[in-house]
Amino acid sequence: RKNAVRSMRELLTDAPDRELADVLRQTERLIACVEEAMRMLTDEEQYFLDKMYINKGECTIFDICEETHMEKSNVYRLRKRALDKFTMAMYGEL
């Protein structure tokens, strides 16, 4: 992610369009917020969000169950807890 942001910054450094530079700054702030919210999660919570949202498609729920030695209902419960905690860290109480 950081390499992508750095590459975008390099592309836009010489760009005369201020709107593009503003979008880049907003994107960098959003990435920083997401990274900070992820740091507030335990390793287990980060694992579930990564497997089920960030890198979804790389493995199935059955793969996750096999990796974690958990039943599907427990995986979904832990995923929900991690997602709730992440949402609170990002947006506060909704």
N, C-alpha and C. Protein backbone atom coordinates (compact mmCIF):
# COMPACT_ATOMS: atom_id res chain seq x y z
N ARG A 1 0.81 -1.20 0.00
CA ARG A 1 0.00 0.00 0.00
C ARG A 1 0.86 1.26 0.00
N LYS A 2 1.87 1.27 0.85
CA LYS A 2 2.70 2.46 0.94
C LYS A 2 3.42 2.73 -0.37
N ASN A 3 3.85 1.65 -1.07
CA ASN A 3 4.49 1.84 -2.36
C ASN A 3 3.52 2.43 -3.36
N ALA A 4 2.27 2.01 -3.31
CA ALA A 4 1.26 2.55 -4.23
C ALA A 4 1.04 4.02 -3.96
N VAL A 5 0.98 4.40 -2.68
CA VAL A 5 0.78 5.81 -2.33
C VAL A 5 1.99 6.61 -2.77
N ARG A 6 3.18 6.07 -2.56
CA ARG A 6 4.40 6.76 -2.96
C ARG A 6 4.42 6.95 -4.47
N SER A 7 4.04 5.92 -5.22
CA SER A 7 4.01 6.01 -6.68
C SER A 7 3.00 7.05 -7.14
N MET A 8 1.83 7.06 -6.48
CA MET A 8 0.82 8.06 -6.83
C MET A 8 1.36 9.45 -6.56
N ARG A 9 2.04 9.62 -5.44
CA ARG A 9 2.58 10.93 -5.08
C ARG A 9 3.59 11.38 -6.13
N GLU A 10 4.46 10.46 -6.56
CA GLU A 10 5.45 10.81 -7.57
C GLU A 10 4.78 11.22 -8.87
N LEU A 11 3.73 10.53 -9.26
CA LEU A 11 3.01 10.88 -10.48
C LEU A 11 2.37 12.25 -10.39
N LEU A 12 1.87 12.58 -9.21
CA LEU A 12 1.13 13.84 -9.05
C LEU A 12 2.01 15.02 -8.63
N THR A 13 3.25 14.75 -8.29
CA THR A 13 4.12 15.84 -7.84
C THR A 13 4.22 16.92 -8.90
N ASP A 14 4.34 16.52 -10.12
CA ASP A 14 4.48 17.48 -11.21
C ASP A 14 3.15 17.83 -11.86
N ALA A 15 2.08 17.23 -11.37
CA ALA A 15 0.77 17.47 -11.97
C ALA A 15 0.31 18.89 -11.65
N PRO A 16 -0.12 19.61 -12.66
CA PRO A 16 -0.59 20.98 -12.44
C PRO A 16 -1.99 21.01 -11.82
N ASP A 17 -2.67 19.90 -11.85
CA ASP A 17 -4.05 19.86 -11.40
C ASP A 17 -4.11 19.74 -9.87
N ARG A 18 -4.56 20.79 -9.21
CA ARG A 18 -4.64 20.79 -7.74
C ARG A 18 -5.67 19.79 -7.24
N GLU A 19 -6.70 19.53 -8.02
CA GLU A 19 -7.72 18.57 -7.59
C GLU A 19 -7.11 17.19 -7.40
N LEU A 20 -6.24 16.78 -8.30
CA LEU A 20 -5.60 15.47 -8.18
C LEU A 20 -4.72 15.43 -6.92
N ALA A 21 -4.00 16.50 -6.67
CA ALA A 21 -3.16 16.55 -5.47
C ALA A 21 -4.03 16.50 -4.21
N ASP A 22 -5.18 17.17 -4.23
CA ASP A 22 -6.09 17.14 -3.08
C ASP A 22 -6.64 15.73 -2.86
N VAL A 23 -6.99 15.07 -3.94
CA VAL A 23 -7.50 13.69 -3.83
C VAL A 23 -6.42 12.79 -3.25
N LEU A 24 -5.19 12.97 -3.67
CA LEU A 24 -4.09 12.17 -3.14
C LEU A 24 -3.94 12.41 -1.64
N ARG A 25 -3.98 13.65 -1.20
CA ARG A 25 -3.85 13.95 0.23
C ARG A 25 -5.01 13.32 1.02
N GLN A 26 -6.21 13.40 0.49
CA GLN A 26 -7.37 12.80 1.15
C GLN A 26 -7.21 11.28 1.24
N THR A 27 -6.72 10.68 0.17
CA THR A 27 -6.51 9.24 0.14
C THR A 27 -5.45 8.83 1.16
N GLU A 28 -4.38 9.60 1.23
CA GLU A 28 -3.33 9.31 2.21
C GLU A 28 -3.87 9.41 3.63
N ARG A 29 -4.72 10.41 3.91
CA ARG A 29 -5.32 10.54 5.24
C ARG A 29 -6.22 9.35 5.55
N LEU A 30 -7.01 8.91 4.57
CA LEU A 30 -7.89 7.77 4.77
C LEU A 30 -7.08 6.50 5.05
N ILE A 31 -6.01 6.29 4.29
CA ILE A 31 -5.16 5.13 4.51
C ILE A 31 -4.57 5.17 5.91
N ALA A 32 -4.13 6.34 6.35
CA ALA A 32 -3.57 6.47 7.70
C ALA A 32 -4.63 6.14 8.76
N CYS A 33 -5.86 6.57 8.55
CA CYS A 33 -6.95 6.26 9.49
C CYS A 33 -7.23 4.76 9.53
N VAL A 34 -7.25 4.12 8.38
CA VAL A 34 -7.50 2.68 8.32
C VAL A 34 -6.36 1.93 9.01
N GLU A 35 -5.13 2.34 8.74
CA GLU A 35 -3.99 1.67 9.38
C GLU A 35 -4.04 1.84 10.89
N GLU A 36 -4.41 3.02 11.37
CA GLU A 36 -4.51 3.27 12.82
C GLU A 36 -5.63 2.41 13.42
N ALA A 37 -6.76 2.33 12.75
CA ALA A 37 -7.87 1.50 13.24
C ALA A 37 -7.46 0.03 13.28
N MET A 38 -6.72 -0.42 12.29
CA MET A 38 -6.26 -1.82 12.28
C MET A 38 -5.29 -2.09 13.42
N ARG A 39 -4.46 -1.10 13.78
CA ARG A 39 -3.53 -1.28 14.90
C ARG A 39 -4.26 -1.44 16.23
N MET A 40 -5.49 -0.99 16.31
CA MET A 40 -6.27 -1.11 17.54
C MET A 40 -6.84 -2.52 17.73
N LEU A 41 -6.74 -3.35 16.71
CA LEU A 41 -7.26 -4.71 16.75
C LEU A 41 -6.18 -5.68 17.20
N THR A 42 -6.63 -6.79 17.76
CA THR A 42 -5.69 -7.85 18.10
C THR A 42 -5.21 -8.51 16.81
N ASP A 43 -4.16 -9.31 16.93
CA ASP A 43 -3.67 -10.05 15.75
C ASP A 43 -4.76 -10.95 15.19
N GLU A 44 -5.52 -11.60 16.07
CA GLU A 44 -6.61 -12.48 15.62
C GLU A 44 -7.67 -11.68 14.86
N GLU A 45 -8.04 -10.52 15.39
CA GLU A 45 -9.06 -9.69 14.72
C GLU A 45 -8.55 -9.21 13.37
N GLN A 46 -7.29 -8.82 13.31
CA GLN A 46 -6.71 -8.39 12.04
C GLN A 46 -6.73 -9.55 11.03
N TYR A 47 -6.43 -10.73 11.52
CA TYR A 47 -6.42 -11.92 10.66
C TYR A 47 -7.79 -12.12 10.00
N PHE A 48 -8.85 -12.06 10.82
CA PHE A 48 -10.19 -12.30 10.27
C PHE A 48 -10.59 -11.22 9.27
N LEU A 49 -10.30 -9.97 9.56
CA LEU A 49 -10.64 -8.90 8.62
C LEU A 49 -9.82 -9.02 7.34
N ASP A 50 -8.56 -9.38 7.50
CA ASP A 50 -7.72 -9.54 6.31
C ASP A 50 -8.24 -10.67 5.42
N LYS A 51 -8.51 -11.81 6.03
CA LYS A 51 -8.95 -12.97 5.24
C LYS A 51 -10.34 -12.78 4.64
N MET A 52 -11.22 -12.08 5.34
CA MET A 52 -12.61 -12.02 4.90
C MET A 52 -12.97 -10.74 4.15
N TYR A 53 -12.11 -9.71 4.23
CA TYR A 53 -12.43 -8.46 3.54
C TYR A 53 -11.28 -7.95 2.68
N ILE A 54 -10.10 -7.86 3.26
CA ILE A 54 -8.99 -7.25 2.55
C ILE A 54 -8.49 -8.14 1.43
N ASN A 55 -8.25 -9.39 1.73
CA ASN A 55 -7.76 -10.35 0.73
C ASN A 55 -8.77 -11.45 0.46
N LYS A 56 -10.04 -11.07 0.47
CA LYS A 56 -11.06 -12.09 0.23
C LYS A 56 -10.89 -12.64 -1.17
N GLY A 57 -11.26 -13.83 -1.34
CA GLY A 57 -11.10 -14.48 -2.62
C GLY A 57 -9.86 -15.36 -2.66
N GLU A 58 -8.90 -15.07 -1.76
CA GLU A 58 -7.71 -15.92 -1.71
C GLU A 58 -8.01 -17.23 -1.00
N CYS A 59 -9.00 -17.22 -0.11
CA CYS A 59 -9.39 -18.45 0.57
C CYS A 59 -10.88 -18.39 0.89
N THR A 60 -11.43 -19.54 1.15
CA THR A 60 -12.86 -19.63 1.45
C THR A 60 -13.06 -19.71 2.96
N ILE A 61 -14.30 -19.62 3.38
CA ILE A 61 -14.62 -19.76 4.80
C ILE A 61 -14.16 -21.13 5.31
N PHE A 62 -14.22 -22.12 4.46
CA PHE A 62 -13.79 -23.46 4.85
C PHE A 62 -12.27 -23.49 5.07
N ASP A 63 -11.53 -22.76 4.25
CA ASP A 63 -10.08 -22.66 4.43
C ASP A 63 -9.76 -22.00 5.78
N ILE A 64 -10.49 -20.95 6.10
CA ILE A 64 -10.28 -20.24 7.36
C ILE A 64 -10.59 -21.15 8.54
N CYS A 65 -11.69 -21.88 8.43
CA CYS A 65 -12.05 -22.83 9.50
C CYS A 65 -10.94 -23.86 9.69
N GLU A 66 -10.42 -24.35 8.60
CA GLU A 66 -9.36 -25.35 8.68
C GLU A 66 -8.09 -24.75 9.28
N GLU A 67 -7.72 -23.53 8.85
CA GLU A 67 -6.52 -22.87 9.38
C GLU A 67 -6.62 -22.59 10.88
N THR A 68 -7.81 -22.16 11.30
CA THR A 68 -7.99 -21.73 12.69
C THR A 68 -8.50 -22.85 13.60
N HIS A 69 -8.90 -23.99 13.00
CA HIS A 69 -9.47 -25.10 13.75
C HIS A 69 -10.73 -24.66 14.51
N MET A 70 -11.55 -23.86 13.82
CA MET A 70 -12.80 -23.36 14.40
C MET A 70 -13.98 -23.76 13.53
N GLU A 71 -15.13 -23.80 14.18
CA GLU A 71 -16.36 -24.01 13.43
C GLU A 71 -16.73 -22.72 12.72
N LYS A 72 -17.51 -22.87 11.66
CA LYS A 72 -17.91 -21.72 10.86
C LYS A 72 -18.62 -20.66 11.70
N SER A 73 -19.48 -21.07 12.60
CA SER A 73 -20.21 -20.10 13.43
C SER A 73 -19.25 -19.26 14.28
N ASN A 74 -18.18 -19.89 14.80
CA ASN A 74 -17.20 -19.14 15.58
C ASN A 74 -16.41 -18.16 14.71
N VAL A 75 -16.08 -18.58 13.51
CA VAL A 75 -15.36 -17.69 12.59
C VAL A 75 -16.22 -16.47 12.29
N TYR A 76 -17.49 -16.67 11.99
CA TYR A 76 -18.37 -15.54 11.70
C TYR A 76 -18.56 -14.64 12.93
N ARG A 77 -18.63 -15.25 14.11
CA ARG A 77 -18.78 -14.46 15.33
C ARG A 77 -17.55 -13.59 15.57
N LEU A 78 -16.37 -14.17 15.41
CA LEU A 78 -15.13 -13.41 15.60
C LEU A 78 -14.95 -12.34 14.52
N ARG A 79 -15.36 -12.67 13.30
CA ARG A 79 -15.30 -11.68 12.22
C ARG A 79 -16.19 -10.50 12.54
N LYS A 80 -17.40 -10.76 13.06
CA LYS A 80 -18.32 -9.68 13.40
C LYS A 80 -17.75 -8.81 14.51
N ARG A 81 -17.16 -9.46 15.51
CA ARG A 81 -16.57 -8.69 16.61
C ARG A 81 -15.43 -7.80 16.09
N ALA A 82 -14.59 -8.34 15.23
CA ALA A 82 -13.49 -7.57 14.66
C ALA A 82 -14.00 -6.42 13.81
N LEU A 83 -15.02 -6.69 13.00
CA LEU A 83 -15.58 -5.64 12.15
C LEU A 83 -16.24 -4.55 12.98
N ASP A 84 -16.95 -4.93 14.03
CA ASP A 84 -17.57 -3.94 14.92
C ASP A 84 -16.50 -3.07 15.58
N LYS A 85 -15.43 -3.68 16.05
CA LYS A 85 -14.35 -2.94 16.70
C LYS A 85 -13.66 -2.00 15.70
N PHE A 86 -13.44 -2.48 14.49
CA PHE A 86 -12.82 -1.66 13.45
C PHE A 86 -13.72 -0.47 13.11
N THR A 87 -15.01 -0.72 12.97
CA THR A 87 -15.97 0.33 12.65
C THR A 87 -15.99 1.40 13.73
N MET A 88 -15.97 0.98 14.99
CA MET A 88 -15.93 1.93 16.09
C MET A 88 -14.65 2.75 16.07
N ALA A 89 -13.53 2.11 15.76
CA ALA A 89 -12.25 2.84 15.69
C ALA A 89 -12.26 3.85 14.56
N MET A 90 -12.90 3.51 13.46
CA MET A 90 -12.91 4.41 12.29
C MET A 90 -13.93 5.55 12.45
N TYR A 91 -15.12 5.21 12.91
CA TYR A 91 -16.24 6.17 12.84
C TYR A 91 -16.85 6.54 14.17
N GLY A 92 -16.48 5.86 15.23
CA GLY A 92 -17.11 6.09 16.52
C GLY A 92 -18.47 5.40 16.54
N GLU A 93 -19.26 5.73 17.52
CA GLU A 93 -20.57 5.09 17.66
C GLU A 93 -21.51 5.59 16.57
N LEU A 94 -22.14 4.65 15.90
CA LEU A 94 -23.05 5.00 14.80
C LEU A 94 -24.48 5.05 15.32
